[in-house]
Amino acid sequence: MTEIGPYSNYRLTIRLQLANKPGMFAKVAAVLAEEGANLGAVDIVSATADCMVRDVTFDVQSETHGEKVLARL
């Protein structure tokens, strides 16, 4: 894979709603790493005892690469 720099032309931000349990976001980060996406910002939008909503920004190599990453999330 081509190395992704910090200023990729393919930067995605997605909103994820996950169970508020230890390790849930680690699974997301693992998928991004496995797919060669470069994790950027992670912002908490809201949190309850049961649910955590986060905006996650990451860089990908192309539109096709982004679609592949999104399909795994």
PDB file of N, CA and C in Angstrom:
ATOM      1  N   MET A   1       0.826  -1.187   0.000  1.00  0.00           N
ATOM      2  CA  MET A   1       0.000   0.000   0.000  1.00  0.00           C
ATOM      3  C   MET A   1       0.867   1.245   0.000  1.00  0.00           C
ATOM      4  N   THR A   2       0.372   2.273  -0.598  1.00  0.00           N
ATOM      5  CA  THR A   2       1.043   3.563  -0.601  1.00  0.00           C
ATOM      6  C   THR A   2       0.914   4.188   0.777  1.00  0.00           C
ATOM      7  N   GLU A   3       1.987   4.811   1.228  1.00  0.00           N
ATOM      8  CA  GLU A   3       1.937   5.466   2.531  1.00  0.00           C
ATOM      9  C   GLU A   3       1.042   6.697   2.465  1.00  0.00           C
ATOM     10  N   ILE A   4       0.257   6.879   3.510  1.00  0.00           N
ATOM     11  CA  ILE A   4      -0.664   8.011   3.580  1.00  0.00           C
ATOM     12  C   ILE A   4      -0.034   9.089   4.446  1.00  0.00           C
ATOM     13  N   GLY A   5       0.034  10.297   3.927  1.00  0.00           N
ATOM     14  CA  GLY A   5       0.543  11.415   4.698  1.00  0.00           C
ATOM     15  C   GLY A   5      -0.556  12.040   5.534  1.00  0.00           C
ATOM     16  N   PRO A   6      -0.193  12.960   6.387  1.00  0.00           N
ATOM     17  CA  PRO A   6      -1.182  13.581   7.264  1.00  0.00           C
ATOM     18  C   PRO A   6      -2.146  14.511   6.536  1.00  0.00           C
ATOM     19  N   TYR A   7      -1.885  14.814   5.267  1.00  0.00           N
ATOM     20  CA  TYR A   7      -2.739  15.747   4.536  1.00  0.00           C
ATOM     21  C   TYR A   7      -3.351  15.079   3.312  1.00  0.00           C
ATOM     22  N   SER A   8      -3.933  13.929   3.533  1.00  0.00           N
ATOM     23  CA  SER A   8      -4.544  13.155   2.456  1.00  0.00           C
ATOM     24  C   SER A   8      -5.682  13.925   1.803  1.00  0.00           C
ATOM     25  N   ASN A   9      -5.839  13.729   0.502  1.00  0.00           N
ATOM     26  CA  ASN A   9      -6.994  14.289  -0.202  1.00  0.00           C
ATOM     27  C   ASN A   9      -8.249  13.479   0.065  1.00  0.00           C
ATOM     28  N   TYR A  10      -8.106  12.365   0.735  1.00  0.00           N
ATOM     29  CA  TYR A  10      -9.236  11.491   1.034  1.00  0.00           C
ATOM     30  C   TYR A  10      -9.387  11.370   2.545  1.00  0.00           C
ATOM     31  N   ARG A  11      -9.980  12.363   3.133  1.00  0.00           N
ATOM     32  CA  ARG A  11     -10.205  12.399   4.574  1.00  0.00           C
ATOM     33  C   ARG A  11     -11.694  12.200   4.820  1.00  0.00           C
ATOM     34  N   LEU A  12     -12.004  11.244   5.665  1.00  0.00           N
ATOM     35  CA  LEU A  12     -13.393  10.923   5.970  1.00  0.00           C
ATOM     36  C   LEU A  12     -13.673  11.188   7.437  1.00  0.00           C
ATOM     37  N   THR A  13     -14.880  11.652   7.729  1.00  0.00           N
ATOM     38  CA  THR A  13     -15.358  11.758   9.101  1.00  0.00           C
ATOM     39  C   THR A  13     -16.680  11.018   9.176  1.00  0.00           C
ATOM     40  N   ILE A  14     -16.755  10.087  10.101  1.00  0.00           N
ATOM     41  CA  ILE A  14     -17.983   9.313  10.273  1.00  0.00           C
ATOM     42  C   ILE A  14     -18.445   9.433  11.718  1.00  0.00           C
ATOM     43  N   ARG A  15     -19.719   9.259  11.927  1.00  0.00           N
ATOM     44  CA  ARG A  15     -20.286   9.265  13.275  1.00  0.00           C
ATOM     45  C   ARG A  15     -20.638   7.829  13.634  1.00  0.00           C
ATOM     46  N   LEU A  16     -20.055   7.359  14.723  1.00  0.00           N
ATOM     47  CA  LEU A  16     -20.278   5.990  15.175  1.00  0.00           C
ATOM     48  C   LEU A  16     -21.009   5.981  16.500  1.00  0.00           C
ATOM     49  N   GLN A  17     -21.973   5.104  16.615  1.00  0.00           N
ATOM     50  CA  GLN A  17     -22.673   4.876  17.875  1.00  0.00           C
ATOM     51  C   GLN A  17     -22.295   3.477  18.339  1.00  0.00           C
ATOM     52  N   LEU A  18     -21.606   3.415  19.461  1.00  0.00           N
ATOM     53  CA  LEU A  18     -21.107   2.146  19.980  1.00  0.00           C
ATOM     54  C   LEU A  18     -21.594   1.940  21.401  1.00  0.00           C
ATOM     55  N   ALA A  19     -21.636   0.683  21.804  1.00  0.00           N
ATOM     56  CA  ALA A  19     -21.932   0.387  23.201  1.00  0.00           C
ATOM     57  C   ALA A  19     -20.849   1.031  24.064  1.00  0.00           C
ATOM     58  N   ASN A  20     -21.246   1.561  25.201  1.00  0.00           N
ATOM     59  CA  ASN A  20     -20.302   2.212  26.111  1.00  0.00           C
ATOM     60  C   ASN A  20     -19.689   1.145  27.022  1.00  0.00           C
ATOM     61  N   LYS A  21     -18.778   0.353  26.416  1.00  0.00           N
ATOM     62  CA  LYS A  21     -18.101  -0.724  27.133  1.00  0.00           C
ATOM     63  C   LYS A  21     -16.621  -0.699  26.770  1.00  0.00           C
ATOM     64  N   PRO A  22     -15.758  -1.114  27.690  1.00  0.00           N
ATOM     65  CA  PRO A  22     -14.330  -1.150  27.396  1.00  0.00           C
ATOM     66  C   PRO A  22     -14.037  -1.995  26.150  1.00  0.00           C
ATOM     67  N   GLY A  23     -13.161  -1.480  25.309  1.00  0.00           N
ATOM     68  CA  GLY A  23     -12.711  -2.215  24.139  1.00  0.00           C
ATOM     69  C   GLY A  23     -13.493  -1.982  22.867  1.00  0.00           C
ATOM     70  N   MET A  24     -14.639  -1.328  22.938  1.00  0.00           N
ATOM     71  CA  MET A  24     -15.456  -1.138  21.736  1.00  0.00           C
ATOM     72  C   MET A  24     -14.744  -0.244  20.722  1.00  0.00           C
ATOM     73  N   PHE A  25     -14.170   0.869  21.174  1.00  0.00           N
ATOM     74  CA  PHE A  25     -13.474   1.736  20.226  1.00  0.00           C
ATOM     75  C   PHE A  25     -12.166   1.103  19.764  1.00  0.00           C
ATOM     76  N   ALA A  26     -11.563   0.285  20.596  1.00  0.00           N
ATOM     77  CA  ALA A  26     -10.334  -0.413  20.202  1.00  0.00           C
ATOM     78  C   ALA A  26     -10.579  -1.279  18.973  1.00  0.00           C
ATOM     79  N   LYS A  27     -11.770  -1.859  18.869  1.00  0.00           N
ATOM     80  CA  LYS A  27     -12.112  -2.668  17.692  1.00  0.00           C
ATOM     81  C   LYS A  27     -12.156  -1.796  16.437  1.00  0.00           C
ATOM     82  N   VAL A  28     -12.684  -0.593  16.559  1.00  0.00           N
ATOM     83  CA  VAL A  28     -12.729   0.342  15.429  1.00  0.00           C
ATOM     84  C   VAL A  28     -11.311   0.722  15.020  1.00  0.00           C
ATOM     85  N   ALA A  29     -10.483   1.070  15.997  1.00  0.00           N
ATOM     86  CA  ALA A  29      -9.101   1.452  15.710  1.00  0.00           C
ATOM     87  C   ALA A  29      -8.341   0.302  15.062  1.00  0.00           C
ATOM     88  N   ALA A  30      -8.619  -0.926  15.485  1.00  0.00           N
ATOM     89  CA  ALA A  30      -7.954  -2.093  14.899  1.00  0.00           C
ATOM     90  C   ALA A  30      -8.327  -2.259  13.431  1.00  0.00           C
ATOM     91  N   VAL A  31      -9.595  -2.063  13.093  1.00  0.00           N
ATOM     92  CA  VAL A  31     -10.028  -2.159  11.693  1.00  0.00           C
ATOM     93  C   VAL A  31      -9.317  -1.101  10.857  1.00  0.00           C
ATOM     94  N   LEU A  32      -9.264   0.124  11.356  1.00  0.00           N
ATOM     95  CA  LEU A  32      -8.586   1.190  10.622  1.00  0.00           C
ATOM     96  C   LEU A  32      -7.123   0.824  10.383  1.00  0.00           C
ATOM     97  N   ALA A  33      -6.458   0.307  11.401  1.00  0.00           N
ATOM     98  CA  ALA A  33      -5.053  -0.080  11.260  1.00  0.00           C
ATOM     99  C   ALA A  33      -4.890  -1.228  10.265  1.00  0.00           C
ATOM    100  N   GLU A  34      -5.740  -2.231  10.366  1.00  0.00           N
ATOM    101  CA  GLU A  34      -5.667  -3.384   9.454  1.00  0.00           C
ATOM    102  C   GLU A  34      -5.851  -2.962   8.003  1.00  0.00           C
ATOM    103  N   GLU A  35      -6.691  -1.971   7.777  1.00  0.00           N
ATOM    104  CA  GLU A  35      -6.981  -1.512   6.417  1.00  0.00           C
ATOM    105  C   GLU A  35      -6.004  -0.445   5.924  1.00  0.00           C
ATOM    106  N   GLY A  36      -5.077  -0.028   6.780  1.00  0.00           N
ATOM    107  CA  GLY A  36      -4.095   0.971   6.374  1.00  0.00           C
ATOM    108  C   GLY A  36      -4.629   2.392   6.365  1.00  0.00           C
ATOM    109  N   ALA A  37      -5.711   2.632   7.091  1.00  0.00           N
ATOM    110  CA  ALA A  37      -6.243   3.991   7.222  1.00  0.00           C
ATOM    111  C   ALA A  37      -5.480   4.698   8.344  1.00  0.00           C
ATOM    112  N   ASN A  38      -5.329   6.005   8.233  1.00  0.00           N
ATOM    113  CA  ASN A  38      -4.584   6.792   9.206  1.00  0.00           C
ATOM    114  C   ASN A  38      -5.566   7.530  10.109  1.00  0.00           C
ATOM    115  N   LEU A  39      -5.680   7.075  11.360  1.00  0.00           N
ATOM    116  CA  LEU A  39      -6.623   7.657  12.312  1.00  0.00           C
ATOM    117  C   LEU A  39      -6.210   9.075  12.665  1.00  0.00           C
ATOM    118  N   GLY A  40      -7.172   9.981  12.631  1.00  0.00           N
ATOM    119  CA  GLY A  40      -6.931  11.376  12.981  1.00  0.00           C
ATOM    120  C   GLY A  40      -7.684  11.725  14.250  1.00  0.00           C
ATOM    121  N   ALA A  41      -8.634  12.632  14.138  1.00  0.00           N
ATOM    122  CA  ALA A  41      -9.373  13.125  15.297  1.00  0.00           C
ATOM    123  C   ALA A  41     -10.455  12.145  15.732  1.00  0.00           C
ATOM    124  N   VAL A  42     -10.683  12.115  17.047  1.00  0.00           N
ATOM    125  CA  VAL A  42     -11.787  11.360  17.630  1.00  0.00           C
ATOM    126  C   VAL A  42     -12.465  12.298  18.617  1.00  0.00           C
ATOM    127  N   ASP A  43     -13.722  12.614  18.359  1.00  0.00           N
ATOM    128  CA  ASP A  43     -14.464  13.543  19.209  1.00  0.00           C
ATOM    129  C   ASP A  43     -15.691  12.855  19.780  1.00  0.00           C
ATOM    130  N   ILE A  44     -15.895  12.985  21.079  1.00  0.00           N
ATOM    131  CA  ILE A  44     -17.094  12.444  21.712  1.00  0.00           C
ATOM    132  C   ILE A  44     -18.227  13.432  21.490  1.00  0.00           C
ATOM    133  N   VAL A  45     -19.305  12.943  20.895  1.00  0.00           N
ATOM    134  CA  VAL A  45     -20.486  13.761  20.625  1.00  0.00           C
ATOM    135  C   VAL A  45     -21.450  13.672  21.798  1.00  0.00           C
ATOM    136  N   SER A  46     -21.677  12.451  22.273  1.00  0.00           N
ATOM    137  CA  SER A  46     -22.539  12.250  23.434  1.00  0.00           C
ATOM    138  C   SER A  46     -22.204  10.918  24.080  1.00  0.00           C
ATOM    139  N   ALA A  47     -22.563  10.808  25.346  1.00  0.00           N
ATOM    140  CA  ALA A  47     -22.306   9.563  26.067  1.00  0.00           C
ATOM    141  C   ALA A  47     -23.380   9.355  27.118  1.00  0.00           C
ATOM    142  N   THR A  48     -23.834   8.126  27.203  1.00  0.00           N
ATOM    143  CA  THR A  48     -24.738   7.710  28.269  1.00  0.00           C
ATOM    144  C   THR A  48     -24.121   6.467  28.903  1.00  0.00           C
ATOM    145  N   ALA A  49     -24.781   5.920  29.888  1.00  0.00           N
ATOM    146  CA  ALA A  49     -24.274   4.705  30.521  1.00  0.00           C
ATOM    147  C   ALA A  49     -24.207   3.546  29.531  1.00  0.00           C
ATOM    148  N   ASP A  50     -25.067   3.572  28.512  1.00  0.00           N
ATOM    149  CA  ASP A  50     -25.153   2.457  27.564  1.00  0.00           C
ATOM    150  C   ASP A  50     -24.495   2.715  26.220  1.00  0.00           C
ATOM    151  N   CYS A  51     -24.370   3.983  25.815  1.00  0.00           N
ATOM    152  CA  CYS A  51     -23.998   4.297  24.436  1.00  0.00           C
ATOM    153  C   CYS A  51     -23.007   5.461  24.374  1.00  0.00           C
ATOM    154  N   MET A  52     -22.059   5.344  23.448  1.00  0.00           N
ATOM    155  CA  MET A  52     -21.097   6.418  23.193  1.00  0.00           C
ATOM    156  C   MET A  52     -21.182   6.766  21.708  1.00  0.00           C
ATOM    157  N   VAL A  53     -21.361   8.057  21.409  1.00  0.00           N
ATOM    158  CA  VAL A  53     -21.383   8.522  20.022  1.00  0.00           C
ATOM    159  C   VAL A  53     -20.120   9.337  19.800  1.00  0.00           C
ATOM    160  N   ARG A  54     -19.365   8.939  18.758  1.00  0.00           N
ATOM    161  CA  ARG A  54     -18.104   9.612  18.457  1.00  0.00           C
ATOM    162  C   ARG A  54     -18.045   9.976  16.984  1.00  0.00           C
ATOM    163  N   ASP A  55     -17.440  11.123  16.690  1.00  0.00           N
ATOM    164  CA  ASP A  55     -17.067  11.465  15.321  1.00  0.00           C
ATOM    165  C   ASP A  55     -15.609  11.045  15.160  1.00  0.00           C
ATOM    166  N   VAL A  56     -15.350  10.228  14.139  1.00  0.00           N
ATOM    167  CA  VAL A  56     -14.021   9.675  13.907  1.00  0.00           C
ATOM    168  C   VAL A  56     -13.541  10.136  12.533  1.00  0.00           C
ATOM    169  N   THR A  57     -12.381  10.774  12.497  1.00  0.00           N
ATOM    170  CA  THR A  57     -11.802  11.259  11.246  1.00  0.00           C
ATOM    171  C   THR A  57     -10.564  10.436  10.924  1.00  0.00           C
ATOM    172  N   PHE A  58     -10.467  10.013   9.657  1.00  0.00           N
ATOM    173  CA  PHE A  58      -9.316   9.222   9.231  1.00  0.00           C
ATOM    174  C   PHE A  58      -9.034   9.461   7.757  1.00  0.00           C
ATOM    175  N   ASP A  59      -7.783   9.218   7.371  1.00  0.00           N
ATOM    176  CA  ASP A  59      -7.340   9.373   5.986  1.00  0.00           C
ATOM    177  C   ASP A  59      -7.280   8.011   5.314  1.00  0.00           C
ATOM    178  N   VAL A  60      -7.665   7.985   4.044  1.00  0.00           N
ATOM    179  CA  VAL A  60      -7.568   6.786   3.216  1.00  0.00           C
ATOM    180  C   VAL A  60      -6.849   7.150   1.925  1.00  0.00           C
ATOM    181  N   GLN A  61      -6.509   6.140   1.133  1.00  0.00           N
ATOM    182  CA  GLN A  61      -5.730   6.371  -0.076  1.00  0.00           C
ATOM    183  C   GLN A  61      -6.562   6.818  -1.264  1.00  0.00           C
ATOM    184  N   SER A  62      -7.828   6.438  -1.292  1.00  0.00           N
ATOM    185  CA  SER A  62      -8.667   6.726  -2.451  1.00  0.00           C
ATOM    186  C   SER A  62     -10.125   6.541  -2.058  1.00  0.00           C
ATOM    187  N   GLU A  63     -11.013   6.894  -2.963  1.00  0.00           N
ATOM    188  CA  GLU A  63     -12.439   6.684  -2.718  1.00  0.00           C
ATOM    189  C   GLU A  63     -12.735   5.193  -2.539  1.00  0.00           C
ATOM    190  N   THR A  64     -12.119   4.367  -3.369  1.00  0.00           N
ATOM    191  CA  THR A  64     -12.323   2.920  -3.278  1.00  0.00           C
ATOM    192  C   THR A  64     -11.821   2.377  -1.945  1.00  0.00           C
ATOM    193  N   HIS A  65     -10.658   2.847  -1.521  1.00  0.00           N
ATOM    194  CA  HIS A  65     -10.109   2.434  -0.232  1.00  0.00           C
ATOM    195  C   HIS A  65     -11.054   2.855   0.894  1.00  0.00           C
ATOM    196  N   GLY A  66     -11.588   4.066   0.820  1.00  0.00           N
ATOM    197  CA  GLY A  66     -12.529   4.545   1.825  1.00  0.00           C
ATOM    198  C   GLY A  66     -13.775   3.682   1.897  1.00  0.00           C
ATOM    199  N   GLU A  67     -14.297   3.285   0.746  1.00  0.00           N
ATOM    200  CA  GLU A  67     -15.482   2.424   0.714  1.00  0.00           C
ATOM    201  C   GLU A  67     -15.194   1.074   1.368  1.00  0.00           C
ATOM    202  N   LYS A  68     -13.998   0.554   1.130  1.00  0.00           N
ATOM    203  CA  LYS A  68     -13.606  -0.723   1.730  1.00  0.00           C
ATOM    204  C   LYS A  68     -13.532  -0.606   3.251  1.00  0.00           C
ATOM    205  N   VAL A  69     -12.934   0.477   3.733  1.00  0.00           N
ATOM    206  CA  VAL A  69     -12.831   0.694   5.175  1.00  0.00           C
ATOM    207  C   VAL A  69     -14.226   0.838   5.780  1.00  0.00           C
ATOM    208  N   LEU A  70     -15.070   1.648   5.161  1.00  0.00           N
ATOM    209  CA  LEU A  70     -16.421   1.861   5.685  1.00  0.00           C
ATOM    210  C   LEU A  70     -17.221   0.566   5.740  1.00  0.00           C
ATOM    211  N   ALA A  71     -17.040  -0.300   4.760  1.00  0.00           N
ATOM    212  CA  ALA A  71     -17.762  -1.574   4.738  1.00  0.00           C
ATOM    213  C   ALA A  71     -17.393  -2.444   5.937  1.00  0.00           C
ATOM    214  N   ARG A  72     -16.178  -2.296   6.432  1.00  0.00           N
ATOM    215  CA  ARG A  72     -15.736  -3.086   7.592  1.00  0.00           C
ATOM    216  C   ARG A  72     -16.175  -2.487   8.916  1.00  0.00           C
ATOM    217  N   LEU A  73     -16.535  -1.223   8.903  1.00  0.00           N
ATOM    218  CA  LEU A  73     -16.970  -0.592  10.148  1.00  0.00           C
ATOM    219  C   LEU A  73     -18.457  -0.807  10.331  1.00  0.00           C
TER     220      LEU A  73
END
